[in-house]
C-alpha atoms as a PDB file:
ATOM      1  CA  MET A   1       0.000   0.000   0.000  1.00  0.00           C
ATOM      2  CA  ASN A   2       1.188   3.506  -0.820  1.00  0.00           C
ATOM      3  CA  TRP A   3       0.905   5.097   2.642  1.00  0.00           C
ATOM      4  CA  PRO A   4       1.831   8.673   1.657  1.00  0.00           C
ATOM      5  CA  SER A   5      -0.880   8.650  -0.999  1.00  0.00           C
ATOM      6  CA  TYR A   6      -3.402   7.135   1.417  1.00  0.00           C
ATOM      7  CA  ASN A   7      -2.569   9.776   4.051  1.00  0.00           C
ATOM      8  CA  ARG A   8      -3.027  12.573   1.475  1.00  0.00           C
ATOM      9  CA  SER A   9      -6.431  11.152   0.520  1.00  0.00           C
ATOM     10  CA  LEU A  10      -7.495  11.184   4.173  1.00  0.00           C
ATOM     11  CA  VAL A  11      -6.391  14.791   4.502  1.00  0.00           C
ATOM     12  CA  ARG A  12      -8.289  15.758   1.323  1.00  0.00           C
ATOM     13  CA  ARG A  13     -11.506  14.380   2.831  1.00  0.00           C
ATOM     14  CA  GLY A  14     -11.318  17.200   5.357  1.00  0.00           C
ATOM     15  CA  GLU A  15     -11.118  19.929   2.767  1.00  0.00           C
ATOM     16  CA  ILE A  16     -14.015  22.348   2.982  1.00  0.00           C
ATOM     17  CA  LEU A  17     -14.120  25.683   1.267  1.00  0.00           C
ATOM     18  CA  ILE A  18     -15.042  28.385   3.751  1.00  0.00           C
ATOM     19  CA  GLY A  19     -13.687  31.915   4.066  1.00  0.00           C
ATOM     20  CA  PHE A  20     -11.909  32.279   7.412  1.00  0.00           C
ATOM     21  CA  ASP A  21     -11.252  35.691   8.955  1.00  0.00           C
ATOM     22  CA  VAL A  22      -8.784  34.037  11.317  1.00  0.00           C
ATOM     23  CA  VAL A  23      -6.011  34.463   8.765  1.00  0.00           C
ATOM     24  CA  ASN A  24      -6.513  38.231   8.577  1.00  0.00           C
ATOM     25  CA  ASN A  25      -5.645  38.657  12.267  1.00  0.00           C
ATOM     26  CA  TRP A  26      -3.065  35.857  12.440  1.00  0.00           C
ATOM     27  CA  ASP A  27       0.082  37.975  12.771  1.00  0.00           C
ATOM     28  CA  ALA A  28      -1.436  40.565  15.097  1.00  0.00           C
ATOM     29  CA  GLU A  29      -2.819  37.915  17.441  1.00  0.00           C
ATOM     30  CA  LEU A  30       0.482  36.009  17.506  1.00  0.00           C
ATOM     31  CA  LYS A  31       2.370  39.209  18.213  1.00  0.00           C
ATOM     32  CA  GLU A  32       0.087  39.933  21.166  1.00  0.00           C
ATOM     33  CA  MET A  33       0.280  36.356  22.473  1.00  0.00           C
ATOM     34  CA  ASN A  34       4.094  36.321  22.287  1.00  0.00           C
ATOM     35  CA  LYS A  35       4.555  39.754  23.887  1.00  0.00           C
ATOM     36  CA  ASP A  36       6.570  39.319  27.126  1.00  0.00           C
ATOM     37  CA  LYS A  37       6.481  35.521  26.696  1.00  0.00           C
ATOM     38  CA  VAL A  38       9.439  33.590  28.030  1.00  0.00           C
ATOM     39  CA  GLY A  39      10.533  30.537  26.020  1.00  0.00           C
ATOM     40  CA  GLU A  40       9.575  29.395  22.553  1.00  0.00           C
ATOM     41  CA  PRO A  41       7.007  31.658  20.888  1.00  0.00           C
ATOM     42  CA  PHE A  42       3.547  30.421  19.992  1.00  0.00           C
ATOM     43  CA  SER A  43       3.171  29.300  16.378  1.00  0.00           C
ATOM     44  CA  TYR A  44      -0.625  29.351  16.085  1.00  0.00           C
ATOM     45  CA  PRO A  45      -3.095  31.937  17.394  1.00  0.00           C
ATOM     46  CA  ASN A  46      -5.764  30.796  19.839  1.00  0.00           C
ATOM     47  CA  THR A  47      -8.599  31.634  17.440  1.00  0.00           C
ATOM     48  CA  PHE A  48      -7.106  29.295  14.832  1.00  0.00           C
ATOM     49  CA  LEU A  49      -6.884  26.410  17.293  1.00  0.00           C
ATOM     50  CA  LEU A  50     -10.433  27.068  18.487  1.00  0.00           C
ATOM     51  CA  LEU A  51     -11.657  27.134  14.886  1.00  0.00           C
ATOM     52  CA  LEU A  52     -10.060  23.757  14.187  1.00  0.00           C
ATOM     53  CA  GLY A  53     -11.452  22.332  17.411  1.00  0.00           C
ATOM     54  CA  TYR A  54     -14.968  23.556  16.650  1.00  0.00           C
ATOM     55  CA  ALA A  55     -14.795  22.268  13.074  1.00  0.00           C
ATOM     56  CA  LYS A  56     -13.562  18.876  14.276  1.00  0.00           C
ATOM     57  CA  ALA A  57     -16.338  18.608  16.862  1.00  0.00           C
ATOM     58  CA  TYR A  58     -19.137  19.988  14.671  1.00  0.00           C
ATOM     59  CA  PHE A  59     -18.363  17.857  11.629  1.00  0.00           C
ATOM     60  CA  HIS A  60     -17.207  14.825  13.692  1.00  0.00           C
ATOM     61  CA  LEU A  61     -13.908  14.805  11.801  1.00  0.00           C
ATOM     62  CA  PRO A  62     -10.906  12.581  12.481  1.00  0.00           C
ATOM     63  CA  TYR A  63      -7.593  14.395  12.925  1.00  0.00           C
ATOM     64  CA  ARG A  64      -6.393  13.958   9.328  1.00  0.00           C
ATOM     65  CA  GLN A  65      -9.567  15.506   7.941  1.00  0.00           C
ATOM     66  CA  THR A  66      -9.178  18.367  10.422  1.00  0.00           C
ATOM     67  CA  GLU A  67      -5.644  18.766   9.070  1.00  0.00           C
ATOM     68  CA  GLY A  68      -7.215  19.015   5.602  1.00  0.00           C
ATOM     69  CA  ILE A  69      -9.266  22.029   6.694  1.00  0.00           C
ATOM     70  CA  ALA A  70      -6.118  23.786   7.817  1.00  0.00           C
ATOM     71  CA  GLN A  71      -4.141  22.923   4.710  1.00  0.00           C
ATOM     72  CA  GLU A  72      -6.754  23.712   2.108  1.00  0.00           C
ATOM     73  CA  ASP A  73      -8.501  26.742   3.524  1.00  0.00           C
ATOM     74  CA  ILE A  74      -6.356  28.510   6.034  1.00  0.00           C
ATOM     75  CA  LEU A  75      -2.675  27.833   5.825  1.00  0.00           C
ATOM     76  CA  LYS A  76      -1.790  28.042   2.169  1.00  0.00           C
ATOM     77  CA  GLU A  77       1.002  30.469   3.009  1.00  0.00           C
ATOM     78  CA  LYS A  78       1.553  29.566   6.665  1.00  0.00           C
ATOM     79  CA  TYR A  79       3.285  26.618   8.313  1.00  0.00           C
ATOM     80  CA  LEU A  80       1.045  23.566   7.924  1.00  0.00           C
ATOM     81  CA  PRO A  81       0.345  21.560  11.062  1.00  0.00           C
ATOM     82  CA  SER A  82       0.232  17.770  10.908  1.00  0.00           C
ATOM     83  CA  GLN A  83      -2.462  15.660  12.564  1.00  0.00           C
ATOM     84  CA  ILE A  84      -0.126  15.291  15.560  1.00  0.00           C
ATOM     85  CA  THR A  85      -0.099  19.067  16.090  1.00  0.00           C
ATOM     86  CA  VAL A  86      -3.877  19.239  15.748  1.00  0.00           C
ATOM     87  CA  GLN A  87      -4.338  16.576  18.428  1.00  0.00           C
END
Protein backbone atom coordinates (compact mmCIF):
# COMPACT_ATOMS: atom_id res chain seq x y z
CA MET A 1 0.00 0.00 0.00
CA ASN A 2 1.19 3.51 -0.82
CA TRP A 3 0.90 5.10 2.64
CA PRO A 4 1.83 8.67 1.66
CA SER A 5 -0.88 8.65 -1.00
CA TYR A 6 -3.40 7.13 1.42
CA ASN A 7 -2.57 9.78 4.05
CA ARG A 8 -3.03 12.57 1.48
CA SER A 9 -6.43 11.15 0.52
CA LEU A 10 -7.50 11.18 4.17
CA VAL A 11 -6.39 14.79 4.50
CA ARG A 12 -8.29 15.76 1.32
CA ARG A 13 -11.51 14.38 2.83
CA GLY A 14 -11.32 17.20 5.36
CA GLU A 15 -11.12 19.93 2.77
CA ILE A 16 -14.01 22.35 2.98
CA LEU A 17 -14.12 25.68 1.27
CA ILE A 18 -15.04 28.39 3.75
CA GLY A 19 -13.69 31.92 4.07
CA PHE A 20 -11.91 32.28 7.41
CA ASP A 21 -11.25 35.69 8.96
CA VAL A 22 -8.78 34.04 11.32
CA VAL A 23 -6.01 34.46 8.76
CA ASN A 24 -6.51 38.23 8.58
CA ASN A 25 -5.65 38.66 12.27
CA TRP A 26 -3.06 35.86 12.44
CA ASP A 27 0.08 37.98 12.77
CA ALA A 28 -1.44 40.56 15.10
CA GLU A 29 -2.82 37.91 17.44
CA LEU A 30 0.48 36.01 17.51
CA LYS A 31 2.37 39.21 18.21
CA GLU A 32 0.09 39.93 21.17
CA MET A 33 0.28 36.36 22.47
CA ASN A 34 4.09 36.32 22.29
CA LYS A 35 4.56 39.75 23.89
CA ASP A 36 6.57 39.32 27.13
CA LYS A 37 6.48 35.52 26.70
CA VAL A 38 9.44 33.59 28.03
CA GLY A 39 10.53 30.54 26.02
CA GLU A 40 9.57 29.40 22.55
CA PRO A 41 7.01 31.66 20.89
CA PHE A 42 3.55 30.42 19.99
CA SER A 43 3.17 29.30 16.38
CA TYR A 44 -0.62 29.35 16.08
CA PRO A 45 -3.10 31.94 17.39
CA ASN A 46 -5.76 30.80 19.84
CA THR A 47 -8.60 31.63 17.44
CA PHE A 48 -7.11 29.29 14.83
CA LEU A 49 -6.88 26.41 17.29
CA LEU A 50 -10.43 27.07 18.49
CA LEU A 51 -11.66 27.13 14.89
CA LEU A 52 -10.06 23.76 14.19
CA GLY A 53 -11.45 22.33 17.41
CA TYR A 54 -14.97 23.56 16.65
CA ALA A 55 -14.80 22.27 13.07
CA LYS A 56 -13.56 18.88 14.28
CA ALA A 57 -16.34 18.61 16.86
CA TYR A 58 -19.14 19.99 14.67
CA PHE A 59 -18.36 17.86 11.63
CA HIS A 60 -17.21 14.83 13.69
CA LEU A 61 -13.91 14.80 11.80
CA PRO A 62 -10.91 12.58 12.48
CA TYR A 63 -7.59 14.39 12.92
CA ARG A 64 -6.39 13.96 9.33
CA GLN A 65 -9.57 15.51 7.94
CA THR A 66 -9.18 18.37 10.42
CA GLU A 67 -5.64 18.77 9.07
CA GLY A 68 -7.22 19.01 5.60
CA ILE A 69 -9.27 22.03 6.69
CA ALA A 70 -6.12 23.79 7.82
CA GLN A 71 -4.14 22.92 4.71
CA GLU A 72 -6.75 23.71 2.11
CA ASP A 73 -8.50 26.74 3.52
CA ILE A 74 -6.36 28.51 6.03
CA LEU A 75 -2.67 27.83 5.82
CA LYS A 76 -1.79 28.04 2.17
CA GLU A 77 1.00 30.47 3.01
CA LYS A 78 1.55 29.57 6.67
CA TYR A 79 3.29 26.62 8.31
CA LEU A 80 1.05 23.57 7.92
CA PRO A 81 0.35 21.56 11.06
CA SER A 82 0.23 17.77 10.91
CA GLN A 83 -2.46 15.66 12.56
CA ILE A 84 -0.13 15.29 15.56
CA THR A 85 -0.10 19.07 16.09
CA VAL A 86 -3.88 19.24 15.75
CA GLN A 87 -4.34 16.58 18.43
